Amino acid sequence: MKPDSTGGLSACDIRARLSGTQPAEDPAQVDVAVATRDWRPGFRERLTDTLAPAAVLTPMLDRPDGLSVLFTRRSAKLKHHAGQVSFPGGRMEGRDADVVDTALRETYEELGIRPQQVEVVGFLSPIPTLTGYAVTPVVGLLANETRLTVDRTEVESVFEVPLGYLLDPASQRQGSGNLDRVAYPIEFHFDGHRIWGVTASIMIALREALLQDDGPSGA
């Protein structure tokens, strides 16, 4: 089942509902109790004591039939997370002033999207990963005329999923993917793509942020 592709939210709604959100003062600091509340037994124990700050851009496009979310599939030749669905992003480097710089720099390197083509509209809390990172999702709206120049050494392909599909709890499945023999709890499937791991966790956090005022029936 695929719900209304608009999800009932417009670009203006996204701006309004994320208005006032700010990146964490310390991008390496994670509220583990909140961030891991849906994790299965064994997850939290695998977190490292020190997490490295990282950021991803969660890009949205305002299409004629509604908002969509842009995802990448990582190259199968990469050393880490090869072939997995992800958002453009990576580890914060010394040249980055903040998580916005990190997310926009990585997005330009991976997809050729220039920073001026991205309207940053909000932030989600840092999410821990089992590989030792605290990932800050930076939510951005892309300009309609955006054209991609994909770096094939990092990105195998790019695809879009209607925001409404991802906001509908009925679209999520029990997780089957795993990392180091520990299964992630939730994933999404769309047109042959499996969205799981931290990327699925980001979408769930975004759903909570966007629908928090709608009550139980708003999703």
N, C-alpha and C. Protein backbone atom coordinates (compact mmCIF):
# COMPACT_ATOMS: atom_id res chain seq x y z
N MET A 1 0.84 -1.20 0.00
CA MET A 1 0.00 0.00 0.00
C MET A 1 0.87 1.24 0.00
N LYS A 2 0.57 2.17 -0.88
CA LYS A 2 1.30 3.43 -0.93
C LYS A 2 0.32 4.58 -0.66
N PRO A 3 0.49 5.29 0.44
CA PRO A 3 -0.42 6.39 0.75
C PRO A 3 -0.20 7.57 -0.17
N ASP A 4 -1.06 8.55 -0.04
CA ASP A 4 -0.93 9.81 -0.78
C ASP A 4 0.51 10.28 -0.75
N SER A 5 1.11 10.51 -1.94
CA SER A 5 2.54 10.82 -2.02
C SER A 5 2.89 12.15 -1.38
N THR A 6 1.92 13.00 -1.16
CA THR A 6 2.24 14.28 -0.53
C THR A 6 2.43 14.14 0.97
N GLY A 7 1.86 13.10 1.55
CA GLY A 7 1.94 12.93 2.99
C GLY A 7 1.19 14.01 3.73
N GLY A 8 0.42 14.85 3.00
CA GLY A 8 -0.32 15.92 3.64
C GLY A 8 0.54 17.08 4.07
N LEU A 9 1.82 17.07 3.76
CA LEU A 9 2.73 18.14 4.17
C LEU A 9 3.33 18.82 2.95
N SER A 10 3.43 20.13 3.02
CA SER A 10 4.07 20.91 1.96
C SER A 10 5.45 21.36 2.41
N ALA A 11 6.18 21.98 1.50
CA ALA A 11 7.49 22.52 1.87
C ALA A 11 7.34 23.56 2.98
N CYS A 12 6.27 24.34 2.92
CA CYS A 12 6.02 25.34 3.97
C CYS A 12 5.80 24.67 5.31
N ASP A 13 5.09 23.53 5.30
CA ASP A 13 4.87 22.78 6.54
C ASP A 13 6.19 22.29 7.12
N ILE A 14 7.06 21.80 6.25
CA ILE A 14 8.37 21.30 6.71
C ILE A 14 9.15 22.43 7.38
N ARG A 15 9.17 23.59 6.73
CA ARG A 15 9.87 24.73 7.31
C ARG A 15 9.30 25.08 8.68
N ALA A 16 7.97 25.12 8.76
CA ALA A 16 7.32 25.53 10.00
C ALA A 16 7.56 24.52 11.13
N ARG A 17 7.46 23.24 10.83
CA ARG A 17 7.56 22.23 11.87
C ARG A 17 8.98 22.01 12.36
N LEU A 18 9.95 22.35 11.55
CA LEU A 18 11.35 22.23 11.97
C LEU A 18 11.93 23.57 12.39
N SER A 19 11.14 24.63 12.29
CA SER A 19 11.60 25.96 12.67
C SER A 19 12.03 25.96 14.13
N GLY A 20 13.17 26.56 14.37
CA GLY A 20 13.66 26.65 15.75
C GLY A 20 14.55 25.50 16.16
N THR A 21 14.60 24.43 15.38
CA THR A 21 15.52 23.34 15.72
C THR A 21 16.95 23.80 15.46
N GLN A 22 17.84 23.37 16.31
CA GLN A 22 19.24 23.76 16.23
C GLN A 22 20.13 22.51 16.36
N PRO A 23 21.31 22.54 15.76
CA PRO A 23 22.22 21.41 15.96
C PRO A 23 22.68 21.37 17.40
N ALA A 24 23.03 20.19 17.87
CA ALA A 24 23.51 20.04 19.24
C ALA A 24 24.77 20.87 19.44
N GLU A 25 24.90 21.44 20.63
CA GLU A 25 26.09 22.25 20.93
C GLU A 25 27.36 21.42 20.78
N ASP A 26 27.29 20.16 21.19
CA ASP A 26 28.39 19.23 21.01
C ASP A 26 27.91 18.12 20.08
N PRO A 27 28.34 18.12 18.80
CA PRO A 27 27.82 17.13 17.85
C PRO A 27 28.24 15.70 18.14
N ALA A 28 29.16 15.51 19.09
CA ALA A 28 29.58 14.16 19.45
C ALA A 28 28.80 13.63 20.65
N GLN A 29 27.93 14.48 21.22
CA GLN A 29 27.18 14.09 22.42
C GLN A 29 25.82 13.55 22.01
N VAL A 30 25.50 12.35 22.48
CA VAL A 30 24.24 11.70 22.14
C VAL A 30 23.50 11.34 23.42
N ASP A 31 22.18 11.60 23.42
CA ASP A 31 21.34 11.13 24.52
C ASP A 31 21.03 9.67 24.24
N VAL A 32 21.86 8.78 24.78
CA VAL A 32 21.78 7.36 24.45
C VAL A 32 20.42 6.78 24.83
N ALA A 33 19.87 7.18 25.98
CA ALA A 33 18.60 6.63 26.43
C ALA A 33 17.48 6.90 25.42
N VAL A 34 17.50 8.10 24.85
CA VAL A 34 16.49 8.47 23.85
C VAL A 34 16.81 7.85 22.50
N ALA A 35 18.06 7.98 22.08
CA ALA A 35 18.45 7.55 20.73
C ALA A 35 18.36 6.04 20.55
N THR A 36 18.46 5.28 21.63
CA THR A 36 18.50 3.82 21.51
C THR A 36 17.27 3.15 22.13
N ARG A 37 16.21 3.92 22.33
CA ARG A 37 15.06 3.35 23.04
C ARG A 37 14.39 2.21 22.26
N ASP A 38 14.52 2.21 20.93
CA ASP A 38 13.91 1.16 20.13
C ASP A 38 14.90 0.07 19.73
N TRP A 39 16.11 0.17 20.22
CA TRP A 39 17.13 -0.81 19.87
C TRP A 39 16.85 -2.13 20.56
N ARG A 40 17.19 -3.20 19.89
CA ARG A 40 17.04 -4.52 20.48
C ARG A 40 18.14 -4.76 21.51
N PRO A 41 17.92 -5.74 22.41
CA PRO A 41 18.96 -6.07 23.40
C PRO A 41 20.30 -6.36 22.73
N GLY A 42 21.35 -5.80 23.30
CA GLY A 42 22.69 -5.99 22.75
C GLY A 42 23.21 -4.82 21.97
N PHE A 43 22.29 -3.93 21.52
CA PHE A 43 22.71 -2.77 20.74
C PHE A 43 23.51 -1.79 21.59
N ARG A 44 22.88 -1.34 22.66
CA ARG A 44 23.47 -0.26 23.46
C ARG A 44 24.84 -0.66 23.98
N GLU A 45 24.99 -1.93 24.33
CA GLU A 45 26.26 -2.40 24.87
C GLU A 45 27.39 -2.34 23.85
N ARG A 46 27.03 -2.25 22.58
CA ARG A 46 28.06 -2.22 21.53
C ARG A 46 28.56 -0.81 21.21
N LEU A 47 27.91 0.20 21.79
CA LEU A 47 28.35 1.57 21.53
C LEU A 47 29.73 1.80 22.14
N THR A 48 30.55 2.54 21.42
CA THR A 48 31.86 2.89 21.95
C THR A 48 31.73 4.04 22.94
N ASP A 49 32.73 4.20 23.79
CA ASP A 49 32.68 5.27 24.79
C ASP A 49 32.77 6.65 24.15
N THR A 50 33.54 6.75 23.08
CA THR A 50 33.74 8.04 22.42
C THR A 50 33.24 7.96 20.99
N LEU A 51 32.31 8.85 20.64
CA LEU A 51 31.76 8.88 19.30
C LEU A 51 32.34 10.05 18.52
N ALA A 52 32.63 9.83 17.25
CA ALA A 52 33.16 10.88 16.39
C ALA A 52 32.01 11.62 15.73
N PRO A 53 32.04 12.96 15.69
CA PRO A 53 30.94 13.71 15.07
C PRO A 53 30.89 13.52 13.56
N ALA A 54 29.68 13.38 13.04
CA ALA A 54 29.44 13.23 11.62
C ALA A 54 28.10 13.87 11.30
N ALA A 55 27.84 14.06 10.02
CA ALA A 55 26.57 14.68 9.61
C ALA A 55 26.16 14.16 8.25
N VAL A 56 24.86 14.11 8.04
CA VAL A 56 24.31 13.77 6.73
C VAL A 56 23.28 14.82 6.35
N LEU A 57 23.07 14.99 5.06
CA LEU A 57 21.97 15.82 4.58
C LEU A 57 20.80 14.90 4.26
N THR A 58 19.62 15.24 4.79
CA THR A 58 18.39 14.55 4.43
C THR A 58 17.68 15.43 3.41
N PRO A 59 17.91 15.17 2.11
CA PRO A 59 17.45 16.10 1.07
C PRO A 59 16.03 15.81 0.63
N MET A 60 15.25 16.87 0.47
CA MET A 60 13.88 16.75 -0.03
C MET A 60 13.72 17.60 -1.28
N LEU A 61 12.88 17.09 -2.18
CA LEU A 61 12.56 17.80 -3.41
C LEU A 61 11.06 18.02 -3.48
N ASP A 62 10.65 19.19 -3.91
CA ASP A 62 9.24 19.54 -4.02
C ASP A 62 8.78 19.23 -5.43
N ARG A 63 8.32 18.01 -5.64
CA ARG A 63 7.87 17.56 -6.96
C ARG A 63 6.41 17.95 -7.19
N PRO A 64 5.94 17.92 -8.45
CA PRO A 64 4.55 18.30 -8.74
C PRO A 64 3.53 17.48 -7.95
N ASP A 65 3.85 16.20 -7.67
CA ASP A 65 2.90 15.37 -6.94
C ASP A 65 3.23 15.29 -5.45
N GLY A 66 4.10 16.17 -4.96
CA GLY A 66 4.40 16.21 -3.54
C GLY A 66 5.88 16.09 -3.24
N LEU A 67 6.22 16.19 -1.97
CA LEU A 67 7.60 16.11 -1.54
C LEU A 67 8.14 14.69 -1.65
N SER A 68 9.41 14.60 -2.01
CA SER A 68 10.08 13.31 -2.03
C SER A 68 11.42 13.45 -1.33
N VAL A 69 11.94 12.32 -0.87
CA VAL A 69 13.22 12.28 -0.16
C VAL A 69 14.24 11.60 -1.07
N LEU A 70 15.42 12.21 -1.17
CA LEU A 70 16.48 11.70 -2.03
C LEU A 70 17.43 10.80 -1.24
N PHE A 71 17.66 9.61 -1.75
CA PHE A 71 18.58 8.65 -1.13
C PHE A 71 19.69 8.29 -2.11
N THR A 72 20.78 7.79 -1.58
CA THR A 72 21.85 7.26 -2.42
C THR A 72 22.08 5.79 -2.07
N ARG A 73 22.58 5.05 -3.02
CA ARG A 73 23.07 3.70 -2.75
C ARG A 73 24.58 3.74 -2.89
N ARG A 74 25.27 3.40 -1.82
CA ARG A 74 26.72 3.48 -1.81
C ARG A 74 27.34 2.47 -2.77
N SER A 75 28.49 2.83 -3.28
CA SER A 75 29.20 1.96 -4.21
C SER A 75 29.52 0.62 -3.57
N ALA A 76 29.40 -0.43 -4.34
CA ALA A 76 29.70 -1.77 -3.86
C ALA A 76 31.20 -1.96 -3.63
N LYS A 77 32.01 -1.01 -4.09
CA LYS A 77 33.46 -1.13 -3.96
C LYS A 77 34.01 -0.44 -2.72
N LEU A 78 33.15 0.23 -1.97
CA LEU A 78 33.61 0.92 -0.77
C LEU A 78 33.97 -0.07 0.33
N LYS A 79 34.90 0.34 1.19
CA LYS A 79 35.36 -0.53 2.27
C LYS A 79 34.30 -0.69 3.35
N HIS A 80 33.57 0.40 3.64
CA HIS A 80 32.57 0.37 4.70
C HIS A 80 31.17 0.62 4.13
N HIS A 81 30.20 -0.16 4.60
CA HIS A 81 28.78 -0.01 4.23
C HIS A 81 28.57 -0.08 2.72
N ALA A 82 29.33 -0.93 2.06
CA ALA A 82 29.22 -1.05 0.60
C ALA A 82 27.81 -1.49 0.20
N GLY A 83 27.27 -0.81 -0.81
CA GLY A 83 25.98 -1.17 -1.36
C GLY A 83 24.78 -0.79 -0.53
N GLN A 84 24.98 -0.15 0.59
CA GLN A 84 23.85 0.20 1.45
C GLN A 84 23.21 1.52 1.02
N VAL A 85 21.93 1.65 1.34
CA VAL A 85 21.21 2.89 1.10
C VAL A 85 21.57 3.88 2.21
N SER A 86 21.81 5.13 1.82
CA SER A 86 22.24 6.12 2.81
C SER A 86 21.84 7.52 2.35
N PHE A 87 22.15 8.48 3.20
CA PHE A 87 22.08 9.89 2.83
C PHE A 87 23.49 10.39 2.58
N PRO A 88 23.67 11.41 1.75
CA PRO A 88 25.02 11.96 1.56
C PRO A 88 25.54 12.54 2.86
N GLY A 89 26.77 12.22 3.19
CA GLY A 89 27.33 12.74 4.44
C GLY A 89 28.58 11.98 4.83
N GLY A 90 29.11 12.31 6.00
CA GLY A 90 30.31 11.65 6.46
C GLY A 90 30.83 12.29 7.73
N ARG A 91 32.05 11.94 8.06
CA ARG A 91 32.68 12.40 9.29
C ARG A 91 33.04 13.88 9.21
N MET A 92 32.89 14.58 10.32
CA MET A 92 33.29 15.99 10.38
C MET A 92 34.80 16.09 10.30
N GLU A 93 35.28 17.00 9.47
CA GLU A 93 36.71 17.21 9.31
C GLU A 93 37.12 18.55 9.91
N GLY A 94 38.41 18.72 10.11
CA GLY A 94 38.92 19.93 10.74
C GLY A 94 38.57 21.20 10.00
N ARG A 95 38.38 21.11 8.70
CA ARG A 95 38.04 22.30 7.90
C ARG A 95 36.57 22.68 8.00
N ASP A 96 35.75 21.82 8.60
CA ASP A 96 34.32 22.10 8.72
C ASP A 96 34.04 22.94 9.96
N ALA A 97 33.32 24.04 9.76
CA ALA A 97 32.99 24.90 10.89
C ALA A 97 31.94 24.28 11.79
N ASP A 98 31.03 23.49 11.19
CA ASP A 98 29.94 22.89 11.96
C ASP A 98 29.36 21.74 11.16
N VAL A 99 28.28 21.15 11.68
CA VAL A 99 27.68 20.00 11.01
C VAL A 99 27.05 20.38 9.67
N VAL A 100 26.61 21.61 9.53
CA VAL A 100 26.06 22.06 8.24
C VAL A 100 27.16 22.02 7.18
N ASP A 101 28.33 22.54 7.54
CA ASP A 101 29.47 22.50 6.61
C ASP A 101 29.78 21.06 6.20
N THR A 102 29.76 20.17 7.19
CA THR A 102 30.06 18.76 6.90
C THR A 102 29.04 18.18 5.93
N ALA A 103 27.76 18.35 6.23
CA ALA A 103 26.71 17.77 5.39
C ALA A 103 26.73 18.34 3.98
N LEU A 104 26.91 19.66 3.86
CA LEU A 104 26.90 20.28 2.54
C LEU A 104 28.16 19.95 1.75
N ARG A 105 29.29 19.88 2.43
CA ARG A 105 30.54 19.51 1.75
C ARG A 105 30.44 18.10 1.19
N GLU A 106 29.99 17.17 2.01
CA GLU A 106 29.88 15.79 1.58
C GLU A 106 28.85 15.64 0.46
N THR A 107 27.76 16.38 0.54
CA THR A 107 26.74 16.32 -0.50
C THR A 107 27.28 16.82 -1.83
N TYR A 108 28.09 17.88 -1.78
CA TYR A 108 28.70 18.38 -3.02
C TYR A 108 29.69 17.36 -3.58
N GLU A 109 30.48 16.75 -2.69
CA GLU A 109 31.48 15.79 -3.15
C GLU A 109 30.82 14.55 -3.75
N GLU A 110 29.72 14.10 -3.17
CA GLU A 110 29.08 12.87 -3.62
C GLU A 110 28.13 13.08 -4.79
N LEU A 111 27.39 14.20 -4.77
CA LEU A 111 26.31 14.38 -5.74
C LEU A 111 26.44 15.63 -6.59
N GLY A 112 27.44 16.48 -6.32
CA GLY A 112 27.61 17.69 -7.11
C GLY A 112 26.58 18.76 -6.82
N ILE A 113 25.85 18.63 -5.71
CA ILE A 113 24.86 19.65 -5.33
C ILE A 113 25.58 20.76 -4.57
N ARG A 114 25.51 21.97 -5.10
CA ARG A 114 26.21 23.09 -4.48
C ARG A 114 25.48 23.56 -3.22
N PRO A 115 26.21 24.05 -2.22
CA PRO A 115 25.58 24.50 -0.98
C PRO A 115 24.47 25.52 -1.20
N GLN A 116 24.63 26.40 -2.20
CA GLN A 116 23.61 27.41 -2.44
C GLN A 116 22.33 26.83 -3.03
N GLN A 117 22.36 25.56 -3.42
CA GLN A 117 21.17 24.90 -3.93
C GLN A 117 20.37 24.20 -2.81
N VAL A 118 20.86 24.32 -1.59
CA VAL A 118 20.22 23.65 -0.45
C VAL A 118 19.71 24.70 0.54
N GLU A 119 18.44 24.61 0.86
CA GLU A 119 17.87 25.43 1.92
C GLU A 119 17.79 24.57 3.19
N VAL A 120 18.67 24.84 4.13
CA VAL A 120 18.66 24.09 5.39
C VAL A 120 17.46 24.55 6.21
N VAL A 121 16.58 23.60 6.55
CA VAL A 121 15.33 23.97 7.24
C VAL A 121 15.24 23.41 8.66
N GLY A 122 16.19 22.57 9.06
CA GLY A 122 16.12 22.06 10.42
C GLY A 122 17.13 20.97 10.71
N PHE A 123 17.09 20.52 11.95
CA PHE A 123 18.05 19.54 12.43
C PHE A 123 17.35 18.51 13.30
N LEU A 124 17.89 17.30 13.30
CA LEU A 124 17.47 16.26 14.24
C LEU A 124 18.61 16.01 15.22
N SER A 125 18.28 15.39 16.33
CA SER A 125 19.30 15.10 17.33
C SER A 125 20.31 14.09 16.79
N PRO A 126 21.57 14.17 17.24
CA PRO A 126 22.57 13.20 16.80
C PRO A 126 22.15 11.76 17.10
N ILE A 127 22.42 10.89 16.17
CA ILE A 127 22.07 9.48 16.28
C ILE A 127 23.36 8.66 16.34
N PRO A 128 23.50 7.77 17.33
CA PRO A 128 24.72 6.97 17.43
C PRO A 128 24.72 5.82 16.43
N THR A 129 25.91 5.42 16.02
CA THR A 129 26.04 4.25 15.15
C THR A 129 26.96 3.24 15.81
N LEU A 130 26.80 1.99 15.43
CA LEU A 130 27.64 0.94 15.99
C LEU A 130 29.07 1.03 15.48
N THR A 131 29.30 1.86 14.46
CA THR A 131 30.65 2.04 13.94
C THR A 131 31.37 3.21 14.60
N GLY A 132 30.75 3.81 15.63
CA GLY A 132 31.46 4.81 16.42
C GLY A 132 31.23 6.26 16.05
N TYR A 133 30.11 6.57 15.42
CA TYR A 133 29.84 7.95 15.03
C TYR A 133 28.57 8.48 15.70
N ALA A 134 28.53 9.80 15.88
CA ALA A 134 27.32 10.49 16.28
C ALA A 134 26.90 11.30 15.06
N VAL A 135 25.83 10.88 14.39
CA VAL A 135 25.43 11.46 13.11
C VAL A 135 24.31 12.47 13.31
N THR A 136 24.57 13.72 12.92
CA THR A 136 23.53 14.75 12.97
C THR A 136 22.84 14.85 11.62
N PRO A 137 21.54 14.57 11.54
CA PRO A 137 20.81 14.76 10.29
C PRO A 137 20.48 16.25 10.09
N VAL A 138 20.89 16.78 8.96
CA VAL A 138 20.59 18.15 8.56
C VAL A 138 19.53 18.07 7.47
N VAL A 139 18.35 18.62 7.73
CA VAL A 139 17.25 18.50 6.79
C VAL A 139 17.29 19.68 5.82
N GLY A 140 17.24 19.38 4.53
CA GLY A 140 17.34 20.44 3.54
C GLY A 140 16.37 20.27 2.39
N LEU A 141 15.90 21.39 1.86
CA LEU A 141 15.08 21.40 0.65
C LEU A 141 15.96 21.78 -0.53
N LEU A 142 15.91 20.99 -1.58
CA LEU A 142 16.74 21.25 -2.75
C LEU A 142 16.00 22.13 -3.74
N ALA A 143 16.75 22.99 -4.40
CA ALA A 143 16.17 23.82 -5.45
C ALA A 143 15.64 22.94 -6.58
N ASN A 144 14.52 23.33 -7.18
CA ASN A 144 13.88 22.49 -8.20
C ASN A 144 14.78 22.24 -9.41
N GLU A 145 15.67 23.18 -9.69
CA GLU A 145 16.52 23.03 -10.88
C GLU A 145 17.81 22.26 -10.59
N THR A 146 17.90 21.68 -9.41
CA THR A 146 19.12 20.97 -9.03
C THR A 146 19.41 19.82 -9.99
N ARG A 147 20.64 19.77 -10.47
CA ARG A 147 21.11 18.68 -11.31
C ARG A 147 22.24 17.96 -10.58
N LEU A 148 22.26 16.65 -10.68
CA LEU A 148 23.24 15.86 -9.96
C LEU A 148 24.45 15.54 -10.82
N THR A 149 25.61 15.57 -10.20
CA THR A 149 26.84 15.06 -10.80
C THR A 149 27.40 14.04 -9.83
N VAL A 150 27.05 12.78 -10.06
CA VAL A 150 27.31 11.72 -9.09
C VAL A 150 28.75 11.24 -9.16
N ASP A 151 29.40 11.16 -8.00
CA ASP A 151 30.74 10.59 -7.89
C ASP A 151 30.59 9.08 -7.79
N ARG A 152 30.85 8.38 -8.89
CA ARG A 152 30.61 6.95 -8.96
C ARG A 152 31.59 6.14 -8.11
N THR A 153 32.65 6.75 -7.64
CA THR A 153 33.53 6.02 -6.73
C THR A 153 32.89 5.85 -5.36
N GLU A 154 31.91 6.71 -5.04
CA GLU A 154 31.23 6.63 -3.75
C GLU A 154 29.77 6.23 -3.85
N VAL A 155 29.12 6.65 -4.93
CA VAL A 155 27.68 6.45 -5.06
C VAL A 155 27.38 5.63 -6.30
N GLU A 156 26.67 4.53 -6.10
CA GLU A 156 26.30 3.66 -7.22
C GLU A 156 25.07 4.20 -7.95
N SER A 157 24.07 4.67 -7.17
CA SER A 157 22.86 5.17 -7.78
C SER A 157 22.14 6.10 -6.81
N VAL A 158 21.15 6.82 -7.34
CA VAL A 158 20.36 7.77 -6.58
C VAL A 158 18.88 7.50 -6.87
N PHE A 159 18.04 7.59 -5.86
CA PHE A 159 16.62 7.38 -6.08
C PHE A 159 15.81 8.22 -5.10
N GLU A 160 14.51 8.39 -5.41
CA GLU A 160 13.62 9.17 -4.56
C GLU A 160 12.49 8.30 -4.02
N VAL A 161 12.03 8.65 -2.83
CA VAL A 161 10.87 7.98 -2.22
C VAL A 161 9.90 9.06 -1.77
N PRO A 162 8.60 8.94 -2.08
CA PRO A 162 7.63 9.94 -1.62
C PRO A 162 7.69 10.10 -0.11
N LEU A 163 7.70 11.33 0.35
CA LEU A 163 7.74 11.58 1.79
C LEU A 163 6.55 10.94 2.49
N GLY A 164 5.38 11.01 1.86
CA GLY A 164 4.18 10.44 2.47
C GLY A 164 4.33 8.96 2.76
N TYR A 165 5.01 8.23 1.89
CA TYR A 165 5.23 6.80 2.10
C TYR A 165 6.08 6.57 3.34
N LEU A 166 7.11 7.37 3.51
CA LEU A 166 8.02 7.20 4.65
C LEU A 166 7.40 7.66 5.96
N LEU A 167 6.44 8.59 5.89
CA LEU A 167 5.80 9.07 7.11
C LEU A 167 4.69 8.14 7.60
N ASP A 168 4.28 7.21 6.76
CA ASP A 168 3.22 6.29 7.13
C ASP A 168 3.79 5.10 7.89
N PRO A 169 3.44 4.91 9.17
CA PRO A 169 3.96 3.77 9.94
C PRO A 169 3.66 2.43 9.29
N ALA A 170 2.61 2.36 8.47
CA ALA A 170 2.28 1.11 7.80
C ALA A 170 3.34 0.70 6.78
N SER A 171 4.20 1.63 6.40
CA SER A 171 5.23 1.34 5.41
C SER A 171 6.45 0.65 6.01
N GLN A 172 6.61 0.71 7.32
CA GLN A 172 7.80 0.14 7.94
C GLN A 172 7.63 -1.36 8.18
N ARG A 173 8.77 -2.06 8.18
CA ARG A 173 8.78 -3.49 8.42
C ARG A 173 9.73 -3.81 9.58
N GLN A 174 9.54 -5.02 10.10
CA GLN A 174 10.49 -5.51 11.09
C GLN A 174 11.83 -5.71 10.40
N GLY A 175 12.91 -5.24 11.04
CA GLY A 175 14.21 -5.28 10.40
C GLY A 175 14.75 -6.68 10.19
N SER A 176 15.43 -6.87 9.06
CA SER A 176 16.10 -8.14 8.77
C SER A 176 17.59 -7.95 8.55
N GLY A 177 18.00 -6.69 8.27
CA GLY A 177 19.42 -6.42 8.07
C GLY A 177 20.16 -6.46 9.38
N ASN A 178 21.45 -6.68 9.33
CA ASN A 178 22.22 -6.71 10.56
C ASN A 178 23.63 -6.20 10.35
N LEU A 179 24.22 -5.77 11.45
CA LEU A 179 25.60 -5.32 11.45
C LEU A 179 26.27 -6.00 12.64
N ASP A 180 27.36 -6.74 12.37
CA ASP A 180 28.03 -7.48 13.43
C ASP A 180 27.06 -8.39 14.18
N ARG A 181 26.16 -9.02 13.40
CA ARG A 181 25.21 -10.01 13.92
C ARG A 181 24.16 -9.41 14.85
N VAL A 182 24.02 -8.10 14.86
CA VAL A 182 22.96 -7.45 15.63
C VAL A 182 21.97 -6.83 14.65
N ALA A 183 20.70 -7.23 14.73
CA ALA A 183 19.70 -6.78 13.76
C ALA A 183 19.15 -5.41 14.11
N TYR A 184 18.99 -4.57 13.10
CA TYR A 184 18.32 -3.28 13.30
C TYR A 184 16.82 -3.52 13.35
N PRO A 185 16.07 -2.72 14.15
CA PRO A 185 14.68 -3.03 14.42
C PRO A 185 13.69 -2.72 13.30
N ILE A 186 13.96 -1.69 12.49
CA ILE A 186 12.95 -1.24 11.53
C ILE A 186 13.61 -0.96 10.18
N GLU A 187 12.88 -1.25 9.11
CA GLU A 187 13.36 -0.90 7.77
C GLU A 187 12.17 -0.59 6.88
N PHE A 188 12.48 0.03 5.73
CA PHE A 188 11.47 0.37 4.73
C PHE A 188 11.86 -0.28 3.41
N HIS A 189 10.86 -0.65 2.61
CA HIS A 189 11.11 -1.20 1.28
C HIS A 189 10.31 -0.38 0.28
N PHE A 190 10.98 0.02 -0.80
CA PHE A 190 10.29 0.82 -1.83
C PHE A 190 10.93 0.55 -3.18
N ASP A 191 10.13 0.04 -4.11
CA ASP A 191 10.58 -0.21 -5.49
C ASP A 191 11.92 -0.95 -5.53
N GLY A 192 12.05 -1.98 -4.72
CA GLY A 192 13.24 -2.81 -4.73
C GLY A 192 14.38 -2.31 -3.86
N HIS A 193 14.21 -1.17 -3.22
CA HIS A 193 15.24 -0.62 -2.34
C HIS A 193 14.91 -0.95 -0.88
N ARG A 194 15.92 -1.36 -0.12
CA ARG A 194 15.75 -1.62 1.30
C ARG A 194 16.48 -0.54 2.09
N ILE A 195 15.73 0.22 2.85
CA ILE A 195 16.27 1.32 3.65
C ILE A 195 16.29 0.85 5.09
N TRP A 196 17.48 0.71 5.66
CA TRP A 196 17.58 0.16 7.01
C TRP A 196 18.71 0.85 7.76
N GLY A 197 19.01 0.33 8.94
CA GLY A 197 20.11 0.87 9.73
C GLY A 197 19.87 2.30 10.17
N VAL A 198 20.95 3.07 10.21
CA VAL A 198 20.87 4.45 10.66
C VAL A 198 19.97 5.28 9.74
N THR A 199 19.98 4.98 8.45
CA THR A 199 19.15 5.74 7.51
C THR A 199 17.67 5.59 7.84
N ALA A 200 17.24 4.37 8.18
CA ALA A 200 15.86 4.17 8.60
C ALA A 200 15.59 4.87 9.92
N SER A 201 16.56 4.84 10.83
CA SER A 201 16.40 5.52 12.12
C SER A 201 16.21 7.02 11.93
N ILE A 202 16.92 7.60 10.97
CA ILE A 202 16.77 9.03 10.68
C ILE A 202 15.36 9.32 10.19
N MET A 203 14.83 8.45 9.33
CA MET A 203 13.49 8.68 8.82
C MET A 203 12.45 8.58 9.92
N ILE A 204 12.64 7.69 10.85
CA ILE A 204 11.70 7.56 11.97
C ILE A 204 11.77 8.81 12.85
N ALA A 205 12.99 9.30 13.11
CA ALA A 205 13.15 10.52 13.90
C ALA A 205 12.53 11.71 13.18
N LEU A 206 12.69 11.77 11.86
CA LEU A 206 12.09 12.86 11.09
C LEU A 206 10.56 12.77 11.13
N ARG A 207 10.04 11.57 11.02
CA ARG A 207 8.59 11.39 11.10
C ARG A 207 8.07 11.91 12.44
N GLU A 208 8.74 11.57 13.52
CA GLU A 208 8.31 12.03 14.84
C GLU A 208 8.35 13.55 14.93
N ALA A 209 9.40 14.16 14.35
CA ALA A 209 9.53 15.61 14.41
C ALA A 209 8.45 16.31 13.58
N LEU A 210 8.10 15.74 12.43
CA LEU A 210 7.14 16.38 11.54
C LEU A 210 5.70 16.16 11.95
N LEU A 211 5.43 15.03 12.62
CA LEU A 211 4.05 14.69 12.95
C LEU A 211 3.75 14.81 14.42
N GLN A 212 4.64 15.42 15.20
CA GLN A 212 4.47 15.45 16.64
C GLN A 212 3.21 16.20 17.07
N ASP A 213 2.73 17.13 16.26
CA ASP A 213 1.54 17.91 16.63
C ASP A 213 0.25 17.30 16.09
N ASP A 214 0.37 16.17 15.36
CA ASP A 214 -0.82 15.62 14.72
C ASP A 214 -1.55 14.60 15.59
N GLY A 215 -0.89 14.14 16.66
CA GLY A 215 -1.51 13.14 17.50
C GLY A 215 -1.45 11.77 16.84
N PRO A 216 -1.98 10.74 17.50
CA PRO A 216 -1.89 9.37 16.99
C PRO A 216 -2.48 9.17 15.62
N SER A 217 -3.51 9.94 15.29
CA SER A 217 -4.16 9.75 13.98
C SER A 217 -3.50 10.53 12.87
N GLY A 218 -2.51 11.39 13.22
CA GLY A 218 -1.92 12.27 12.21
C GLY A 218 -0.98 11.57 11.29
N ALA A 219 -0.43 10.38 11.68
CA ALA A 219 0.49 9.66 10.83
C ALA A 219 -0.25 8.91 9.74
